[in-house]
């Protein structure tokens, strides 16, 4: 399953790399929301996918802190 592979890749990264990925995902989400508001977004399911990826990244960051 691709989500399991994605989480495994996240767990292998350093906290600095995770933070960079989190910032990039949040920027992407902002851009997707902006495109959606201006009716330029074709694949609206991408918003949900990015939101879940942000949650996954935050979960891995929290787990690594403990």
PDB file of N, CA and C in Angstrom:
ATOM      1  N   UNK A   1       0.842  -1.184   0.000  1.00  0.00           N
ATOM      2  CA  UNK A   1       0.000   0.000   0.000  1.00  0.00           C
ATOM      3  C   UNK A   1       0.883   1.243   0.000  1.00  0.00           C
ATOM      4  N   UNK A   2       0.517   2.233  -0.780  1.00  0.00           N
ATOM      5  CA  UNK A   2       1.399   3.379  -0.931  1.00  0.00           C
ATOM      6  C   UNK A   2       1.461   4.267   0.310  1.00  0.00           C
ATOM      7  N   UNK A   3       0.398   4.311   1.136  1.00  0.00           N
ATOM      8  CA  UNK A   3       0.460   5.137   2.336  1.00  0.00           C
ATOM      9  C   UNK A   3       1.452   4.553   3.336  1.00  0.00           C
ATOM     10  N   UNK A   4       1.516   3.222   3.417  1.00  0.00           N
ATOM     11  CA  UNK A   4       2.481   2.606   4.323  1.00  0.00           C
ATOM     12  C   UNK A   4       3.898   2.936   3.892  1.00  0.00           C
ATOM     13  N   UNK A   5       4.163   2.914   2.602  1.00  0.00           N
ATOM     14  CA  UNK A   5       5.479   3.251   2.072  1.00  0.00           C
ATOM     15  C   UNK A   5       5.799   4.710   2.370  1.00  0.00           C
ATOM     16  N   UNK A   6       4.814   5.576   2.239  1.00  0.00           N
ATOM     17  CA  UNK A   6       5.010   6.997   2.509  1.00  0.00           C
ATOM     18  C   UNK A   6       5.382   7.219   3.969  1.00  0.00           C
ATOM     19  N   UNK A   7       4.692   6.540   4.883  1.00  0.00           N
ATOM     20  CA  UNK A   7       4.967   6.682   6.315  1.00  0.00           C
ATOM     21  C   UNK A   7       6.346   6.120   6.645  1.00  0.00           C
ATOM     22  N   UNK A   8       6.711   5.010   6.032  1.00  0.00           N
ATOM     23  CA  UNK A   8       8.048   4.451   6.252  1.00  0.00           C
ATOM     24  C   UNK A   8       9.122   5.435   5.800  1.00  0.00           C
ATOM     25  N   UNK A   9       8.905   6.079   4.666  1.00  0.00           N
ATOM     26  CA  UNK A   9       9.853   7.081   4.182  1.00  0.00           C
ATOM     27  C   UNK A   9       9.951   8.260   5.153  1.00  0.00           C
ATOM     28  N   UNK A  10       8.815   8.650   5.712  1.00  0.00           N
ATOM     29  CA  UNK A  10       8.821   9.751   6.681  1.00  0.00           C
ATOM     30  C   UNK A  10       9.605   9.384   7.927  1.00  0.00           C
ATOM     31  N   UNK A  11       9.434   8.174   8.399  1.00  0.00           N
ATOM     32  CA  UNK A  11      10.117   7.740   9.623  1.00  0.00           C
ATOM     33  C   UNK A  11      11.632   7.678   9.442  1.00  0.00           C
ATOM     34  N   UNK A  12      12.080   7.512   8.218  1.00  0.00           N
ATOM     35  CA  UNK A  12      13.511   7.430   7.940  1.00  0.00           C
ATOM     36  C   UNK A  12      14.164   8.813   7.871  1.00  0.00           C
ATOM     37  N   UNK A  13      13.369   9.867   7.832  1.00  0.00           N
ATOM     38  CA  UNK A  13      13.909  11.217   7.686  1.00  0.00           C
ATOM     39  C   UNK A  13      14.263  11.820   9.038  1.00  0.00           C
ATOM     40  N   UNK A  14      15.152  12.808   8.979  1.00  0.00           N
ATOM     41  CA  UNK A  14      15.544  13.535  10.186  1.00  0.00           C
ATOM     42  C   UNK A  14      14.464  14.568  10.522  1.00  0.00           C
ATOM     43  N   UNK A  15      14.463  15.059  11.761  1.00  0.00           N
ATOM     44  CA  UNK A  15      13.468  16.090  12.123  1.00  0.00           C
ATOM     45  C   UNK A  15      13.537  17.337  11.238  1.00  0.00           C
ATOM     46  N   UNK A  16      14.731  17.719  10.812  1.00  0.00           N
ATOM     47  CA  UNK A  16      14.857  18.896   9.947  1.00  0.00           C
ATOM     48  C   UNK A  16      14.211  18.635   8.583  1.00  0.00           C
ATOM     49  N   UNK A  17      14.420  17.446   8.049  1.00  0.00           N
ATOM     50  CA  UNK A  17      13.806  17.094   6.765  1.00  0.00           C
ATOM     51  C   UNK A  17      12.288  17.020   6.885  1.00  0.00           C
ATOM     52  N   UNK A  18      11.809  16.509   8.015  1.00  0.00           N
ATOM     53  CA  UNK A  18      10.359  16.444   8.236  1.00  0.00           C
ATOM     54  C   UNK A  18       9.755  17.841   8.303  1.00  0.00           C
ATOM     55  N   UNK A  19      10.459  18.749   8.953  1.00  0.00           N
ATOM     56  CA  UNK A  19       9.971  20.120   9.049  1.00  0.00           C
ATOM     57  C   UNK A  19       9.902  20.764   7.671  1.00  0.00           C
ATOM     58  N   UNK A  20      10.922  20.521   6.850  1.00  0.00           N
ATOM     59  CA  UNK A  20      10.913  21.049   5.482  1.00  0.00           C
ATOM     60  C   UNK A  20       9.742  20.485   4.688  1.00  0.00           C
ATOM     61  N   UNK A  21       9.504  19.188   4.848  1.00  0.00           N
ATOM     62  CA  UNK A  21       8.407  18.557   4.122  1.00  0.00           C
ATOM     63  C   UNK A  21       7.050  19.094   4.598  1.00  0.00           C
ATOM     64  N   UNK A  22       6.949  19.356   5.898  1.00  0.00           N
ATOM     65  CA  UNK A  22       5.713  19.911   6.454  1.00  0.00           C
ATOM     66  C   UNK A  22       5.448  21.300   5.884  1.00  0.00           C
ATOM     67  N   UNK A  23       6.469  22.125   5.819  1.00  0.00           N
ATOM     68  CA  UNK A  23       6.317  23.479   5.260  1.00  0.00           C
ATOM     69  C   UNK A  23       5.896  23.397   3.794  1.00  0.00           C
ATOM     70  N   UNK A  24       6.524  22.497   3.051  1.00  0.00           N
ATOM     71  CA  UNK A  24       6.179  22.354   1.632  1.00  0.00           C
ATOM     72  C   UNK A  24       4.733  21.887   1.459  1.00  0.00           C
ATOM     73  N   UNK A  25       4.302  20.964   2.310  1.00  0.00           N
ATOM     74  CA  UNK A  25       2.932  20.460   2.213  1.00  0.00           C
ATOM     75  C   UNK A  25       1.927  21.554   2.559  1.00  0.00           C
ATOM     76  N   UNK A  26       2.247  22.381   3.549  1.00  0.00           N
ATOM     77  CA  UNK A  26       1.340  23.468   3.914  1.00  0.00           C
ATOM     78  C   UNK A  26       1.251  24.513   2.798  1.00  0.00           C
ATOM     79  N   UNK A  27       2.380  24.770   2.127  1.00  0.00           N
ATOM     80  CA  UNK A  27       2.357  25.698   0.992  1.00  0.00           C
ATOM     81  C   UNK A  27       1.504  25.128  -0.139  1.00  0.00           C
ATOM     82  N   UNK A  28       1.655  23.826  -0.379  1.00  0.00           N
ATOM     83  CA  UNK A  28       0.868  23.191  -1.429  1.00  0.00           C
ATOM     84  C   UNK A  28      -0.625  23.267  -1.109  1.00  0.00           C
ATOM     85  N   UNK A  29      -0.967  23.035   0.165  1.00  0.00           N
ATOM     86  CA  UNK A  29      -2.371  23.116   0.574  1.00  0.00           C
ATOM     87  C   UNK A  29      -2.914  24.530   0.362  1.00  0.00           C
ATOM     88  N   UNK A  30      -2.119  25.528   0.715  1.00  0.00           N
ATOM     89  CA  UNK A  30      -2.543  26.911   0.500  1.00  0.00           C
ATOM     90  C   UNK A  30      -2.817  27.168  -0.980  1.00  0.00           C
ATOM     91  N   UNK A  31      -1.891  26.717  -1.832  1.00  0.00           N
ATOM     92  CA  UNK A  31      -2.064  26.923  -3.275  1.00  0.00           C
ATOM     93  C   UNK A  31      -3.285  26.188  -3.804  1.00  0.00           C
ATOM     94  N   UNK A  32      -3.524  24.974  -3.296  1.00  0.00           N
ATOM     95  CA  UNK A  32      -4.700  24.219  -3.734  1.00  0.00           C
ATOM     96  C   UNK A  32      -5.992  24.927  -3.322  1.00  0.00           C
ATOM     97  N   UNK A  33      -6.019  25.448  -2.096  1.00  0.00           N
ATOM     98  CA  UNK A  33      -7.209  26.170  -1.633  1.00  0.00           C
ATOM     99  C   UNK A  33      -7.437  27.423  -2.477  1.00  0.00           C
ATOM    100  N   UNK A  34      -6.356  28.104  -2.815  1.00  0.00           N
ATOM    101  CA  UNK A  34      -6.464  29.307  -3.631  1.00  0.00           C
ATOM    102  C   UNK A  34      -7.005  28.963  -5.017  1.00  0.00           C
ATOM    103  N   UNK A  35      -6.485  27.893  -5.615  1.00  0.00           N
ATOM    104  CA  UNK A  35      -6.971  27.467  -6.925  1.00  0.00           C
ATOM    105  C   UNK A  35      -8.435  27.053  -6.853  1.00  0.00           C
ATOM    106  N   UNK A  36      -8.819  26.399  -5.749  1.00  0.00           N
ATOM    107  CA  UNK A  36     -10.206  25.964  -5.588  1.00  0.00           C
ATOM    108  C   UNK A  36     -11.136  27.176  -5.498  1.00  0.00           C
ATOM    109  N   UNK A  37     -10.692  28.196  -4.788  1.00  0.00           N
ATOM    110  CA  UNK A  37     -11.517  29.388  -4.622  1.00  0.00           C
ATOM    111  C   UNK A  37     -11.700  30.141  -5.938  1.00  0.00           C
ATOM    112  N   UNK A  38     -10.719  30.050  -6.817  1.00  0.00           N
ATOM    113  CA  UNK A  38     -10.810  30.746  -8.099  1.00  0.00           C
ATOM    114  C   UNK A  38     -11.280  29.821  -9.225  1.00  0.00           C
ATOM    115  N   UNK A  39     -11.783  28.663  -8.857  1.00  0.00           N
ATOM    116  CA  UNK A  39     -12.310  27.673  -9.803  1.00  0.00           C
ATOM    117  C   UNK A  39     -11.277  27.217 -10.836  1.00  0.00           C
ATOM    118  N   UNK A  40     -10.021  27.117 -10.437  1.00  0.00           N
ATOM    119  CA  UNK A  40      -8.973  26.646 -11.338  1.00  0.00           C
ATOM    120  C   UNK A  40      -8.532  25.228 -11.001  1.00  0.00           C
ATOM    121  N   UNK A  41      -9.053  24.667  -9.913  1.00  0.00           N
ATOM    122  CA  UNK A  41      -8.608  23.350  -9.457  1.00  0.00           C
ATOM    123  C   UNK A  41      -9.449  22.261 -10.114  1.00  0.00           C
ATOM    124  N   UNK A  42      -8.770  21.325 -10.773  1.00  0.00           N
ATOM    125  CA  UNK A  42      -9.472  20.222 -11.428  1.00  0.00           C
ATOM    126  C   UNK A  42      -9.685  19.051 -10.488  1.00  0.00           C
ATOM    127  N   UNK A  43      -8.639  18.679  -9.737  1.00  0.00           N
ATOM    128  CA  UNK A  43      -8.700  17.506  -8.870  1.00  0.00           C
ATOM    129  C   UNK A  43      -8.880  17.956  -7.420  1.00  0.00           C
ATOM    130  N   UNK A  44     -10.129  18.084  -6.985  1.00  0.00           N
ATOM    131  CA  UNK A  44     -10.389  18.561  -5.625  1.00  0.00           C
ATOM    132  C   UNK A  44     -10.027  17.524  -4.563  1.00  0.00           C
ATOM    133  N   UNK A  45      -9.891  16.275  -4.945  1.00  0.00           N
ATOM    134  CA  UNK A  45      -9.508  15.235  -3.983  1.00  0.00           C
ATOM    135  C   UNK A  45      -8.075  15.433  -3.493  1.00  0.00           C
ATOM    136  N   UNK A  46      -7.299  16.181  -4.239  1.00  0.00           N
ATOM    137  CA  UNK A  46      -5.900  16.439  -3.846  1.00  0.00           C
ATOM    138  C   UNK A  46      -5.838  17.214  -2.534  1.00  0.00           C
ATOM    139  N   UNK A  47      -6.814  18.072  -2.260  1.00  0.00           N
ATOM    140  CA  UNK A  47      -6.857  18.829  -1.007  1.00  0.00           C
ATOM    141  C   UNK A  47      -6.917  17.865   0.173  1.00  0.00           C
ATOM    142  N   UNK A  48      -7.796  16.900   0.096  1.00  0.00           N
ATOM    143  CA  UNK A  48      -7.948  15.912   1.166  1.00  0.00           C
ATOM    144  C   UNK A  48      -6.665  15.104   1.347  1.00  0.00           C
ATOM    145  N   UNK A  49      -6.057  14.733   0.246  1.00  0.00           N
ATOM    146  CA  UNK A  49      -4.824  13.945   0.288  1.00  0.00           C
ATOM    147  C   UNK A  49      -3.692  14.733   0.961  1.00  0.00           C
ATOM    148  N   UNK A  50      -3.557  16.002   0.624  1.00  0.00           N
ATOM    149  CA  UNK A  50      -2.502  16.823   1.208  1.00  0.00           C
ATOM    150  C   UNK A  50      -2.756  17.045   2.691  1.00  0.00           C
ATOM    151  N   UNK A  51      -4.002  17.254   3.067  1.00  0.00           N
ATOM    152  CA  UNK A  51      -4.332  17.431   4.486  1.00  0.00           C
ATOM    153  C   UNK A  51      -3.958  16.191   5.291  1.00  0.00           C
ATOM    154  N   UNK A  52      -4.212  15.034   4.740  1.00  0.00           N
ATOM    155  CA  UNK A  52      -3.861  13.793   5.430  1.00  0.00           C
ATOM    156  C   UNK A  52      -2.349  13.608   5.503  1.00  0.00           C
ATOM    157  N   UNK A  53      -1.656  14.010   4.437  1.00  0.00           N
ATOM    158  CA  UNK A  53      -0.197  13.925   4.466  1.00  0.00           C
ATOM    159  C   UNK A  53       0.384  14.848   5.532  1.00  0.00           C
ATOM    160  N   UNK A  54      -0.192  16.030   5.692  1.00  0.00           N
ATOM    161  CA  UNK A  54       0.253  16.947   6.745  1.00  0.00           C
ATOM    162  C   UNK A  54       0.056  16.302   8.111  1.00  0.00           C
ATOM    163  N   UNK A  55      -1.074  15.668   8.308  1.00  0.00           N
ATOM    164  CA  UNK A  55      -1.339  14.991   9.576  1.00  0.00           C
ATOM    165  C   UNK A  55      -0.346  13.854   9.808  1.00  0.00           C
ATOM    166  N   UNK A  56      -0.021  13.123   8.752  1.00  0.00           N
ATOM    167  CA  UNK A  56       0.958  12.036   8.881  1.00  0.00           C
ATOM    168  C   UNK A  56       2.330  12.569   9.274  1.00  0.00           C
ATOM    169  N   UNK A  57       2.732  13.660   8.642  1.00  0.00           N
ATOM    170  CA  UNK A  57       4.033  14.255   8.944  1.00  0.00           C
ATOM    171  C   UNK A  57       4.070  14.727  10.394  1.00  0.00           C
ATOM    172  N   UNK A  58       3.011  15.393  10.833  1.00  0.00           N
ATOM    173  CA  UNK A  58       2.956  15.879  12.205  1.00  0.00           C
ATOM    174  C   UNK A  58       2.971  14.729  13.205  1.00  0.00           C
ATOM    175  N   UNK A  59       2.328  13.631  12.870  1.00  0.00           N
ATOM    176  CA  UNK A  59       2.314  12.463  13.746  1.00  0.00           C
ATOM    177  C   UNK A  59       3.711  11.875  13.887  1.00  0.00           C
ATOM    178  N   UNK A  60       4.439  11.777  12.791  1.00  0.00           N
ATOM    179  CA  UNK A  60       5.801  11.234  12.836  1.00  0.00           C
ATOM    180  C   UNK A  60       6.714  12.168  13.623  1.00  0.00           C
ATOM    181  N   UNK A  61       6.554  13.479  13.446  1.00  0.00           N
ATOM    182  CA  UNK A  61       7.364  14.453  14.199  1.00  0.00           C
ATOM    183  C   UNK A  61       7.119  14.278  15.696  1.00  0.00           C
ATOM    184  N   UNK A  62       5.859  14.163  16.082  1.00  0.00           N
ATOM    185  CA  UNK A  62       5.515  14.000  17.495  1.00  0.00           C
ATOM    186  C   UNK A  62       6.070  12.693  18.050  1.00  0.00           C
ATOM    187  N   UNK A  63       6.000  11.626  17.278  1.00  0.00           N
ATOM    188  CA  UNK A  63       6.499  10.321  17.722  1.00  0.00           C
ATOM    189  C   UNK A  63       8.008  10.338  17.892  1.00  0.00           C
ATOM    190  N   UNK A  64       8.699  11.079  17.031  1.00  0.00           N
ATOM    191  CA  UNK A  64      10.168  11.143  17.129  1.00  0.00           C
ATOM    192  C   UNK A  64      10.621  11.995  18.313  1.00  0.00           C
ATOM    193  N   UNK A  65       9.789  12.933  18.744  1.00  0.00           N
ATOM    194  CA  UNK A  65      10.154  13.770  19.884  1.00  0.00           C
ATOM    195  C   UNK A  65      10.158  12.978  21.183  1.00  0.00           C
ATOM    196  N   UNK A  66       9.353  11.948  21.258  1.00  0.00           N
ATOM    197  CA  UNK A  66       9.257  11.163  22.501  1.00  0.00           C
ATOM    198  C   UNK A  66      10.282  10.076  22.567  1.00  0.00           C
TER     199      UNK A  66
END
